[in-house]
């Protein structure tokens, strides 16, 4: 609320007075500051400039937040396919490792079985019947089948995209 009044002089003593009425809307015991009009205008102008600066800063802040959000979306859009590709690659490698672990367990089982069969042979079966040679041949054939399994791929054979060392020239 602003009230603008003029200072008036009265009488021989040149008394100065400012008339305040109920219409001015001031309550009893209200504190009032008296400023010169030019000082009041300067303060009002400063306030308007500060409000304009705050509004400009708010709009800059909103623009920067939009830019930040846009950059986050761009980074996410760029990284999403890469993330998906490597996630898929990791899943394939995990499956490959699981297959190799299963093959290793099968080979361990086959080796243990072969060792038990060899230890179970007596001198007659080894020296005269040569049974151990057939067991060794069968074991080698079983291992050769397991090693040449078409499901097994060399895990390091695939090139990683973007790696210049894997380019064919």
N, C-alpha and C. Protein backbone atom coordinates (compact mmCIF):
# COMPACT_ATOMS: atom_id res chain seq x y z
N UNK A 1 0.85 -1.16 0.00
CA UNK A 1 0.00 0.00 0.00
C UNK A 1 0.91 1.24 0.00
N UNK A 2 0.63 2.14 -0.86
CA UNK A 2 1.41 3.38 -0.91
C UNK A 2 0.47 4.57 -0.82
N UNK A 3 0.88 5.52 -0.02
CA UNK A 3 0.11 6.75 0.15
C UNK A 3 1.07 7.90 -0.18
N UNK A 4 0.67 8.73 -1.08
CA UNK A 4 1.51 9.87 -1.45
C UNK A 4 0.79 11.14 -0.97
N UNK A 5 1.48 11.91 -0.14
CA UNK A 5 0.92 13.14 0.44
C UNK A 5 1.91 14.28 0.19
N UNK A 6 1.38 15.49 0.25
CA UNK A 6 2.20 16.69 0.07
C UNK A 6 2.36 17.36 1.43
N UNK A 7 3.58 17.87 1.69
CA UNK A 7 3.84 18.59 2.94
C UNK A 7 3.35 20.04 2.75
N UNK A 8 2.57 20.52 3.74
CA UNK A 8 2.01 21.87 3.66
C UNK A 8 2.52 22.70 4.84
N UNK A 9 2.62 24.00 4.58
CA UNK A 9 3.04 24.91 5.65
C UNK A 9 1.84 25.72 6.13
N UNK A 10 1.78 25.93 7.44
CA UNK A 10 0.66 26.67 8.03
C UNK A 10 1.19 27.74 8.99
N UNK A 11 0.50 28.84 9.02
CA UNK A 11 0.71 29.86 10.04
C UNK A 11 2.01 30.64 9.91
N UNK A 12 2.18 31.51 10.93
CA UNK A 12 3.33 32.39 10.96
C UNK A 12 4.60 31.63 11.28
N UNK A 13 4.49 30.58 12.03
CA UNK A 13 5.66 29.79 12.44
C UNK A 13 6.17 28.89 11.31
N UNK A 14 5.44 28.89 10.25
CA UNK A 14 5.77 28.03 9.10
C UNK A 14 5.81 26.57 9.52
N UNK A 15 4.79 26.18 10.25
CA UNK A 15 4.69 24.76 10.65
C UNK A 15 4.37 23.92 9.45
N UNK A 16 5.00 22.78 9.41
CA UNK A 16 4.75 21.85 8.30
C UNK A 16 3.85 20.74 8.80
N UNK A 17 3.03 20.24 7.86
CA UNK A 17 2.07 19.22 8.25
C UNK A 17 1.72 18.35 7.06
N UNK A 18 1.48 17.10 7.36
CA UNK A 18 0.99 16.14 6.36
C UNK A 18 -0.36 15.67 6.86
N UNK A 19 -1.37 15.83 6.05
CA UNK A 19 -2.71 15.43 6.46
C UNK A 19 -2.94 13.95 6.12
N UNK A 20 -3.30 13.18 7.14
CA UNK A 20 -3.63 11.76 6.96
C UNK A 20 -5.07 11.59 7.42
N UNK A 21 -5.88 10.96 6.59
CA UNK A 21 -7.29 10.76 6.88
C UNK A 21 -7.59 9.27 7.03
N UNK A 22 -8.78 8.97 7.54
CA UNK A 22 -9.20 7.57 7.64
C UNK A 22 -9.27 6.92 6.26
N UNK A 23 -9.55 7.71 5.24
CA UNK A 23 -9.64 7.20 3.87
C UNK A 23 -8.30 6.61 3.39
N UNK A 24 -7.19 7.02 4.03
CA UNK A 24 -5.87 6.52 3.64
C UNK A 24 -5.68 5.07 4.07
N UNK A 25 -6.49 4.57 4.97
CA UNK A 25 -6.49 3.17 5.35
C UNK A 25 -5.44 2.79 6.38
N UNK A 26 -4.92 3.74 7.10
CA UNK A 26 -3.94 3.43 8.14
C UNK A 26 -4.66 3.16 9.46
N UNK A 27 -4.18 2.19 10.18
CA UNK A 27 -4.75 1.84 11.48
C UNK A 27 -4.03 2.65 12.56
N UNK A 28 -4.66 2.77 13.70
CA UNK A 28 -4.02 3.45 14.83
C UNK A 28 -2.80 2.64 15.25
N UNK A 29 -1.75 3.29 15.66
CA UNK A 29 -0.47 2.71 16.09
C UNK A 29 0.30 2.07 14.94
N UNK A 30 -0.08 2.37 13.72
CA UNK A 30 0.68 1.84 12.58
C UNK A 30 1.96 2.65 12.43
N UNK A 31 3.05 1.97 12.11
CA UNK A 31 4.32 2.66 11.89
C UNK A 31 4.39 3.06 10.42
N UNK A 32 4.86 4.28 10.18
CA UNK A 32 4.88 4.82 8.84
C UNK A 32 6.28 5.35 8.56
N UNK A 33 6.77 5.16 7.34
CA UNK A 33 8.07 5.69 6.93
C UNK A 33 7.80 6.82 5.96
N UNK A 34 8.48 7.92 6.15
CA UNK A 34 8.31 9.06 5.27
C UNK A 34 9.57 9.19 4.43
N UNK A 35 9.38 9.16 3.13
CA UNK A 35 10.48 9.29 2.17
C UNK A 35 10.16 10.41 1.20
N UNK A 36 11.23 10.99 0.66
CA UNK A 36 11.01 11.95 -0.40
C UNK A 36 10.58 11.21 -1.65
N UNK A 37 9.79 11.87 -2.49
CA UNK A 37 9.23 11.24 -3.68
C UNK A 37 10.32 10.71 -4.61
N UNK A 38 11.39 11.48 -4.83
CA UNK A 38 12.45 11.03 -5.73
C UNK A 38 13.18 9.81 -5.15
N UNK A 39 13.37 9.76 -3.82
CA UNK A 39 13.99 8.60 -3.17
C UNK A 39 13.06 7.38 -3.30
N UNK A 40 11.77 7.61 -3.10
CA UNK A 40 10.78 6.55 -3.24
C UNK A 40 10.78 6.01 -4.67
N UNK A 41 10.82 6.90 -5.66
CA UNK A 41 10.83 6.47 -7.07
C UNK A 41 12.09 5.66 -7.39
N UNK A 42 13.24 6.08 -6.83
CA UNK A 42 14.50 5.35 -7.06
C UNK A 42 14.41 3.94 -6.48
N UNK A 43 13.86 3.83 -5.27
CA UNK A 43 13.71 2.51 -4.64
C UNK A 43 12.75 1.65 -5.45
N UNK A 44 11.66 2.24 -5.89
CA UNK A 44 10.67 1.51 -6.69
C UNK A 44 11.30 1.03 -8.00
N UNK A 45 12.12 1.89 -8.64
CA UNK A 45 12.81 1.53 -9.88
C UNK A 45 13.78 0.36 -9.63
N UNK A 46 14.51 0.42 -8.51
CA UNK A 46 15.43 -0.68 -8.16
C UNK A 46 14.68 -1.99 -7.97
N UNK A 47 13.55 -1.91 -7.33
CA UNK A 47 12.74 -3.12 -7.10
C UNK A 47 12.27 -3.69 -8.44
N UNK A 48 11.83 -2.84 -9.35
CA UNK A 48 11.38 -3.32 -10.66
C UNK A 48 12.53 -3.96 -11.44
N UNK A 49 13.73 -3.35 -11.36
CA UNK A 49 14.90 -3.93 -12.03
C UNK A 49 15.23 -5.29 -11.44
N UNK A 50 15.22 -5.39 -10.12
CA UNK A 50 15.50 -6.67 -9.46
C UNK A 50 14.47 -7.73 -9.85
N UNK A 51 13.21 -7.34 -9.91
CA UNK A 51 12.16 -8.29 -10.34
C UNK A 51 12.42 -8.76 -11.76
N UNK A 52 12.83 -7.83 -12.63
CA UNK A 52 13.12 -8.20 -14.02
C UNK A 52 14.30 -9.17 -14.07
N UNK A 53 15.34 -8.89 -13.25
CA UNK A 53 16.51 -9.79 -13.21
C UNK A 53 16.11 -11.17 -12.68
N UNK A 54 15.28 -11.21 -11.65
CA UNK A 54 14.83 -12.49 -11.10
C UNK A 54 14.04 -13.26 -12.15
N UNK A 55 13.18 -12.57 -12.88
CA UNK A 55 12.40 -13.22 -13.93
C UNK A 55 13.32 -13.76 -15.02
N UNK A 56 14.33 -12.96 -15.41
CA UNK A 56 15.29 -13.41 -16.42
C UNK A 56 16.06 -14.63 -15.93
N UNK A 57 16.50 -14.59 -14.67
CA UNK A 57 17.24 -15.73 -14.10
C UNK A 57 16.35 -16.97 -14.03
N UNK A 58 15.10 -16.77 -13.67
CA UNK A 58 14.18 -17.91 -13.61
C UNK A 58 14.00 -18.54 -14.99
N UNK A 59 13.89 -17.68 -16.02
CA UNK A 59 13.73 -18.24 -17.37
C UNK A 59 15.03 -18.92 -17.82
N UNK A 60 16.20 -18.35 -17.45
CA UNK A 60 17.48 -19.02 -17.76
C UNK A 60 17.57 -20.36 -17.06
N UNK A 61 17.16 -20.39 -15.82
CA UNK A 61 17.18 -21.63 -15.06
C UNK A 61 16.28 -22.68 -15.69
N UNK A 62 15.09 -22.25 -16.13
CA UNK A 62 14.16 -23.19 -16.78
C UNK A 62 14.77 -23.71 -18.07
N UNK A 63 15.43 -22.81 -18.84
CA UNK A 63 16.08 -23.25 -20.08
C UNK A 63 17.19 -24.24 -19.78
N UNK A 64 17.99 -23.96 -18.76
CA UNK A 64 19.09 -24.86 -18.40
C UNK A 64 18.56 -26.21 -17.92
N UNK A 65 17.46 -26.20 -17.18
CA UNK A 65 16.87 -27.47 -16.74
C UNK A 65 16.37 -28.27 -17.94
N UNK A 66 15.77 -27.57 -18.90
CA UNK A 66 15.32 -28.25 -20.12
C UNK A 66 16.51 -28.82 -20.88
N UNK A 67 17.59 -28.03 -20.98
CA UNK A 67 18.79 -28.52 -21.66
C UNK A 67 19.37 -29.71 -20.94
N UNK A 68 19.40 -29.66 -19.61
CA UNK A 68 19.91 -30.78 -18.83
C UNK A 68 19.07 -32.03 -19.09
N UNK A 69 17.75 -31.87 -19.07
CA UNK A 69 16.86 -33.00 -19.33
C UNK A 69 17.07 -33.54 -20.75
N UNK A 70 17.20 -32.62 -21.71
CA UNK A 70 17.45 -33.05 -23.10
C UNK A 70 18.76 -33.80 -23.21
N UNK A 71 19.81 -33.29 -22.55
CA UNK A 71 21.10 -33.98 -22.59
C UNK A 71 21.01 -35.37 -21.94
N UNK A 72 20.28 -35.46 -20.83
CA UNK A 72 20.11 -36.77 -20.19
C UNK A 72 19.40 -37.73 -21.14
N UNK A 73 18.37 -37.24 -21.83
CA UNK A 73 17.64 -38.09 -22.77
C UNK A 73 18.53 -38.50 -23.94
N UNK A 74 19.34 -37.56 -24.43
CA UNK A 74 20.26 -37.89 -25.54
C UNK A 74 21.26 -38.94 -25.11
N UNK A 75 21.85 -38.75 -23.92
CA UNK A 75 22.82 -39.73 -23.41
C UNK A 75 22.16 -41.09 -23.23
N UNK A 76 20.94 -41.07 -22.70
CA UNK A 76 20.22 -42.33 -22.51
C UNK A 76 19.90 -43.00 -23.85
N UNK A 77 19.48 -42.18 -24.84
CA UNK A 77 19.18 -42.72 -26.16
C UNK A 77 20.42 -43.30 -26.83
N UNK A 78 21.56 -42.64 -26.63
CA UNK A 78 22.80 -43.12 -27.23
C UNK A 78 23.29 -44.37 -26.51
N UNK A 79 23.19 -44.37 -25.19
CA UNK A 79 23.73 -45.48 -24.40
C UNK A 79 22.82 -46.70 -24.39
N UNK A 80 21.53 -46.52 -24.61
CA UNK A 80 20.59 -47.65 -24.52
C UNK A 80 20.94 -48.77 -25.50
N UNK A 81 21.18 -48.49 -26.80
CA UNK A 81 21.53 -49.59 -27.69
C UNK A 81 22.85 -50.26 -27.32
N UNK A 82 23.81 -49.46 -26.88
CA UNK A 82 25.10 -50.03 -26.47
C UNK A 82 24.90 -50.92 -25.26
N UNK A 83 24.12 -50.42 -24.31
CA UNK A 83 23.85 -51.21 -23.10
C UNK A 83 23.15 -52.52 -23.46
N UNK A 84 22.15 -52.43 -24.34
CA UNK A 84 21.42 -53.64 -24.75
C UNK A 84 22.35 -54.62 -25.47
N UNK A 85 23.22 -54.09 -26.34
CA UNK A 85 24.14 -54.95 -27.08
C UNK A 85 25.05 -55.70 -26.11
N UNK A 86 25.65 -54.98 -25.17
CA UNK A 86 26.57 -55.63 -24.24
C UNK A 86 25.84 -56.52 -23.24
N UNK A 87 24.61 -56.16 -22.92
CA UNK A 87 23.80 -57.02 -22.06
C UNK A 87 23.55 -58.36 -22.76
N UNK A 88 23.23 -58.27 -24.07
CA UNK A 88 23.01 -59.48 -24.87
C UNK A 88 24.30 -60.29 -24.98
N UNK A 89 25.42 -59.58 -25.22
CA UNK A 89 26.72 -60.25 -25.31
C UNK A 89 27.05 -60.96 -23.99
N UNK A 90 26.82 -60.29 -22.87
CA UNK A 90 27.09 -60.90 -21.58
C UNK A 90 26.23 -62.13 -21.35
N UNK A 91 24.97 -62.05 -21.77
CA UNK A 91 24.09 -63.21 -21.61
C UNK A 91 24.60 -64.38 -22.45
N UNK A 92 25.02 -64.08 -23.70
CA UNK A 92 25.57 -65.13 -24.56
C UNK A 92 26.82 -65.74 -23.93
N UNK A 93 27.69 -64.89 -23.39
CA UNK A 93 28.93 -65.40 -22.75
C UNK A 93 28.59 -66.23 -21.53
N UNK A 94 27.60 -65.79 -20.75
CA UNK A 94 27.19 -66.58 -19.58
C UNK A 94 26.67 -67.95 -20.01
N UNK A 95 25.85 -67.97 -21.06
CA UNK A 95 25.35 -69.26 -21.57
C UNK A 95 26.49 -70.13 -22.07
N UNK A 96 27.45 -69.51 -22.72
CA UNK A 96 28.61 -70.25 -23.23
C UNK A 96 29.40 -70.84 -22.06
N UNK A 97 29.59 -70.05 -21.02
CA UNK A 97 30.32 -70.53 -19.84
C UNK A 97 29.56 -71.67 -19.18
N UNK A 98 28.24 -71.57 -19.11
CA UNK A 98 27.44 -72.66 -18.53
C UNK A 98 27.59 -73.94 -19.34
N UNK A 99 27.56 -73.80 -20.69
CA UNK A 99 27.74 -74.99 -21.54
C UNK A 99 29.13 -75.59 -21.33
N UNK A 100 30.15 -74.74 -21.24
CA UNK A 100 31.51 -75.25 -21.02
C UNK A 100 31.63 -75.92 -19.65
N UNK A 101 30.98 -75.34 -18.64
CA UNK A 101 31.02 -75.97 -17.31
C UNK A 101 30.33 -77.33 -17.34
N UNK A 102 29.21 -77.41 -18.06
CA UNK A 102 28.52 -78.71 -18.18
C UNK A 102 29.41 -79.71 -18.92
N UNK A 103 30.09 -79.25 -19.97
CA UNK A 103 30.98 -80.13 -20.72
C UNK A 103 32.14 -80.58 -19.84
N UNK A 104 32.67 -79.66 -19.04
CA UNK A 104 33.77 -80.00 -18.14
C UNK A 104 33.33 -81.06 -17.13
N UNK A 105 32.11 -80.89 -16.59
CA UNK A 105 31.61 -81.89 -15.63
C UNK A 105 31.45 -83.25 -16.31
N UNK A 106 30.95 -83.22 -17.56
CA UNK A 106 30.79 -84.48 -18.30
C UNK A 106 32.14 -85.13 -18.54
N UNK A 107 33.14 -84.34 -18.90
CA UNK A 107 34.48 -84.87 -19.12
C UNK A 107 35.09 -85.40 -17.82
N UNK A 108 34.87 -84.70 -16.73
CA UNK A 108 35.36 -85.19 -15.44
C UNK A 108 34.72 -86.52 -15.09
N UNK A 109 33.40 -86.61 -15.32
CA UNK A 109 32.70 -87.86 -15.04
C UNK A 109 33.25 -88.98 -15.92
N UNK A 110 33.43 -88.68 -17.22
CA UNK A 110 33.94 -89.68 -18.16
C UNK A 110 35.36 -90.11 -17.76
N UNK A 111 36.20 -89.15 -17.35
CA UNK A 111 37.57 -89.45 -16.94
C UNK A 111 37.57 -90.32 -15.68
N UNK A 112 36.74 -89.98 -14.72
CA UNK A 112 36.66 -90.78 -13.50
C UNK A 112 36.20 -92.20 -13.82
N UNK A 113 35.19 -92.30 -14.70
CA UNK A 113 34.70 -93.62 -15.09
C UNK A 113 35.80 -94.42 -15.79
N UNK A 114 36.55 -93.78 -16.67
CA UNK A 114 37.64 -94.43 -17.39
C UNK A 114 38.73 -94.90 -16.41
N UNK A 115 39.07 -94.04 -15.46
CA UNK A 115 40.09 -94.42 -14.48
C UNK A 115 39.64 -95.61 -13.64
N UNK A 116 38.35 -95.61 -13.26
CA UNK A 116 37.84 -96.74 -12.49
C UNK A 116 37.89 -98.04 -13.30
N UNK A 117 37.54 -97.95 -14.59
CA UNK A 117 37.58 -99.13 -15.44
C UNK A 117 39.02 -99.63 -15.61
N UNK A 118 39.97 -98.70 -15.76
CA UNK A 118 41.39 -99.10 -15.89
C UNK A 118 41.90 -99.73 -14.60
N UNK A 119 41.52 -99.14 -13.47
CA UNK A 119 41.99 -99.70 -12.19
C UNK A 119 41.35 -101.06 -11.91
N UNK A 120 40.20 -101.30 -12.51
CA UNK A 120 39.52 -102.57 -12.28
C UNK A 120 40.08 -103.72 -13.11
N UNK A 121 40.98 -103.42 -14.02
CA UNK A 121 41.58 -104.48 -14.84
C UNK A 121 42.63 -105.24 -14.04
N UNK A 122 42.66 -106.55 -14.28
CA UNK A 122 43.70 -107.35 -13.62
C UNK A 122 44.86 -107.59 -14.59
N UNK A 123 45.89 -108.20 -14.12
CA UNK A 123 47.11 -108.42 -14.91
C UNK A 123 46.81 -109.24 -16.16
N UNK A 124 45.95 -110.24 -16.04
CA UNK A 124 45.61 -111.09 -17.19
C UNK A 124 44.95 -110.26 -18.29
N UNK A 125 43.96 -109.37 -17.90
CA UNK A 125 43.26 -108.55 -18.88
C UNK A 125 44.19 -107.53 -19.54
N UNK A 126 45.16 -107.05 -18.80
CA UNK A 126 46.09 -106.06 -19.36
C UNK A 126 47.13 -106.73 -20.24
N UNK A 127 47.80 -107.76 -19.72
CA UNK A 127 48.94 -108.37 -20.42
C UNK A 127 48.49 -109.24 -21.59
N UNK A 128 47.47 -110.03 -21.42
CA UNK A 128 47.13 -111.00 -22.46
C UNK A 128 45.99 -110.50 -23.34
N UNK A 129 44.96 -109.99 -22.74
CA UNK A 129 43.80 -109.60 -23.55
C UNK A 129 43.92 -108.16 -24.11
N UNK A 130 44.84 -107.40 -23.57
CA UNK A 130 45.07 -106.02 -24.02
C UNK A 130 43.77 -105.19 -23.96
N UNK A 131 42.99 -105.43 -22.93
CA UNK A 131 41.72 -104.75 -22.77
C UNK A 131 41.91 -103.25 -22.51
N UNK A 132 43.01 -102.89 -21.92
CA UNK A 132 43.25 -101.48 -21.60
C UNK A 132 43.36 -100.62 -22.87
N UNK A 133 43.84 -101.20 -23.95
CA UNK A 133 43.97 -100.44 -25.19
C UNK A 133 42.58 -100.08 -25.73
N UNK A 134 41.64 -101.03 -25.65
CA UNK A 134 40.29 -100.73 -26.11
C UNK A 134 39.65 -99.65 -25.23
N UNK A 135 39.87 -99.72 -23.90
CA UNK A 135 39.34 -98.70 -23.00
C UNK A 135 39.91 -97.32 -23.33
N UNK A 136 41.21 -97.26 -23.59
CA UNK A 136 41.86 -95.99 -23.92
C UNK A 136 41.33 -95.46 -25.25
N UNK A 137 41.16 -96.33 -26.24
CA UNK A 137 40.64 -95.90 -27.55
C UNK A 137 39.21 -95.38 -27.41
N UNK A 138 38.37 -96.11 -26.67
CA UNK A 138 36.99 -95.65 -26.43
C UNK A 138 36.97 -94.30 -25.71
N UNK A 139 37.83 -94.16 -24.72
CA UNK A 139 37.91 -92.90 -23.97
C UNK A 139 38.32 -91.75 -24.89
N UNK A 140 39.33 -91.95 -25.71
CA UNK A 140 39.79 -90.91 -26.64
C UNK A 140 38.68 -90.53 -27.64
N UNK A 141 37.91 -91.52 -28.10
CA UNK A 141 36.81 -91.23 -29.02
C UNK A 141 35.71 -90.41 -28.32
N UNK A 142 35.40 -90.77 -27.07
CA UNK A 142 34.40 -90.02 -26.31
C UNK A 142 34.84 -88.56 -26.10
N UNK A 143 36.11 -88.39 -25.77
CA UNK A 143 36.63 -87.03 -25.57
C UNK A 143 36.63 -86.27 -26.88
N UNK A 144 37.02 -86.90 -27.97
CA UNK A 144 37.04 -86.23 -29.28
C UNK A 144 35.64 -85.78 -29.67
N UNK A 145 34.62 -86.58 -29.37
CA UNK A 145 33.23 -86.18 -29.66
C UNK A 145 32.82 -84.98 -28.81
N UNK A 146 33.22 -85.00 -27.56
CA UNK A 146 32.84 -83.91 -26.66
C UNK A 146 33.55 -82.61 -27.04
N UNK A 147 34.79 -82.69 -27.46
CA UNK A 147 35.56 -81.50 -27.81
C UNK A 147 35.08 -80.90 -29.12
N UNK A 148 34.66 -81.74 -30.07
CA UNK A 148 34.23 -81.22 -31.37
C UNK A 148 32.73 -80.93 -31.41
N UNK A 149 32.13 -80.69 -30.26
CA UNK A 149 30.71 -80.39 -30.18
C UNK A 149 30.40 -79.10 -30.94
N UNK A 150 29.48 -79.12 -31.91
CA UNK A 150 29.19 -77.92 -32.70
C UNK A 150 28.53 -76.81 -31.88
N UNK A 151 27.99 -77.13 -30.71
CA UNK A 151 27.37 -76.12 -29.86
C UNK A 151 28.43 -75.21 -29.24
N UNK A 152 29.65 -75.67 -29.17
CA UNK A 152 30.70 -74.91 -28.50
C UNK A 152 31.36 -73.99 -29.51
N UNK A 153 31.43 -72.71 -29.13
CA UNK A 153 32.03 -71.70 -29.99
C UNK A 153 33.20 -71.09 -29.22
N UNK A 154 34.19 -70.61 -29.93
CA UNK A 154 35.29 -69.95 -29.28
C UNK A 154 34.79 -68.61 -28.75
N UNK A 155 34.87 -68.38 -27.45
CA UNK A 155 34.30 -67.18 -26.84
C UNK A 155 35.03 -65.92 -27.28
N UNK A 156 36.29 -66.02 -27.65
CA UNK A 156 37.05 -64.84 -28.05
C UNK A 156 36.99 -64.59 -29.55
N UNK A 157 36.29 -65.41 -30.30
CA UNK A 157 36.30 -65.29 -31.76
C UNK A 157 35.50 -64.10 -32.25
N UNK A 158 34.44 -63.71 -31.56
CA UNK A 158 33.61 -62.61 -32.02
C UNK A 158 34.32 -61.28 -31.78
N UNK A 159 34.24 -60.40 -32.75
CA UNK A 159 34.86 -59.08 -32.62
C UNK A 159 33.92 -58.16 -31.85
N UNK A 160 34.50 -57.30 -31.07
CA UNK A 160 33.71 -56.31 -30.34
C UNK A 160 33.54 -55.11 -31.24
N UNK A 161 32.31 -54.62 -31.44
CA UNK A 161 32.09 -53.47 -32.31
C UNK A 161 32.90 -52.26 -31.84
N UNK A 162 33.47 -51.56 -32.80
CA UNK A 162 34.23 -50.36 -32.46
C UNK A 162 35.68 -50.64 -32.17
N UNK A 163 36.07 -51.90 -32.09
CA UNK A 163 37.45 -52.24 -31.82
C UNK A 163 38.18 -52.32 -33.15
N UNK A 164 39.11 -51.41 -33.39
CA UNK A 164 39.80 -51.33 -34.67
C UNK A 164 40.74 -52.51 -34.91
N UNK A 165 41.15 -53.20 -33.85
CA UNK A 165 42.08 -54.32 -34.01
C UNK A 165 41.44 -55.49 -34.75
N UNK A 166 40.12 -55.58 -34.78
CA UNK A 166 39.42 -56.72 -35.36
C UNK A 166 38.97 -56.46 -36.80
N UNK A 167 39.35 -55.35 -37.38
CA UNK A 167 38.91 -55.04 -38.74
C UNK A 167 39.72 -55.84 -39.75
N UNK A 168 39.04 -56.25 -40.79
CA UNK A 168 39.72 -56.93 -41.88
C UNK A 168 40.21 -55.89 -42.85
N UNK A 169 41.45 -56.02 -43.30
CA UNK A 169 41.99 -55.02 -44.21
C UNK A 169 42.17 -55.60 -45.58
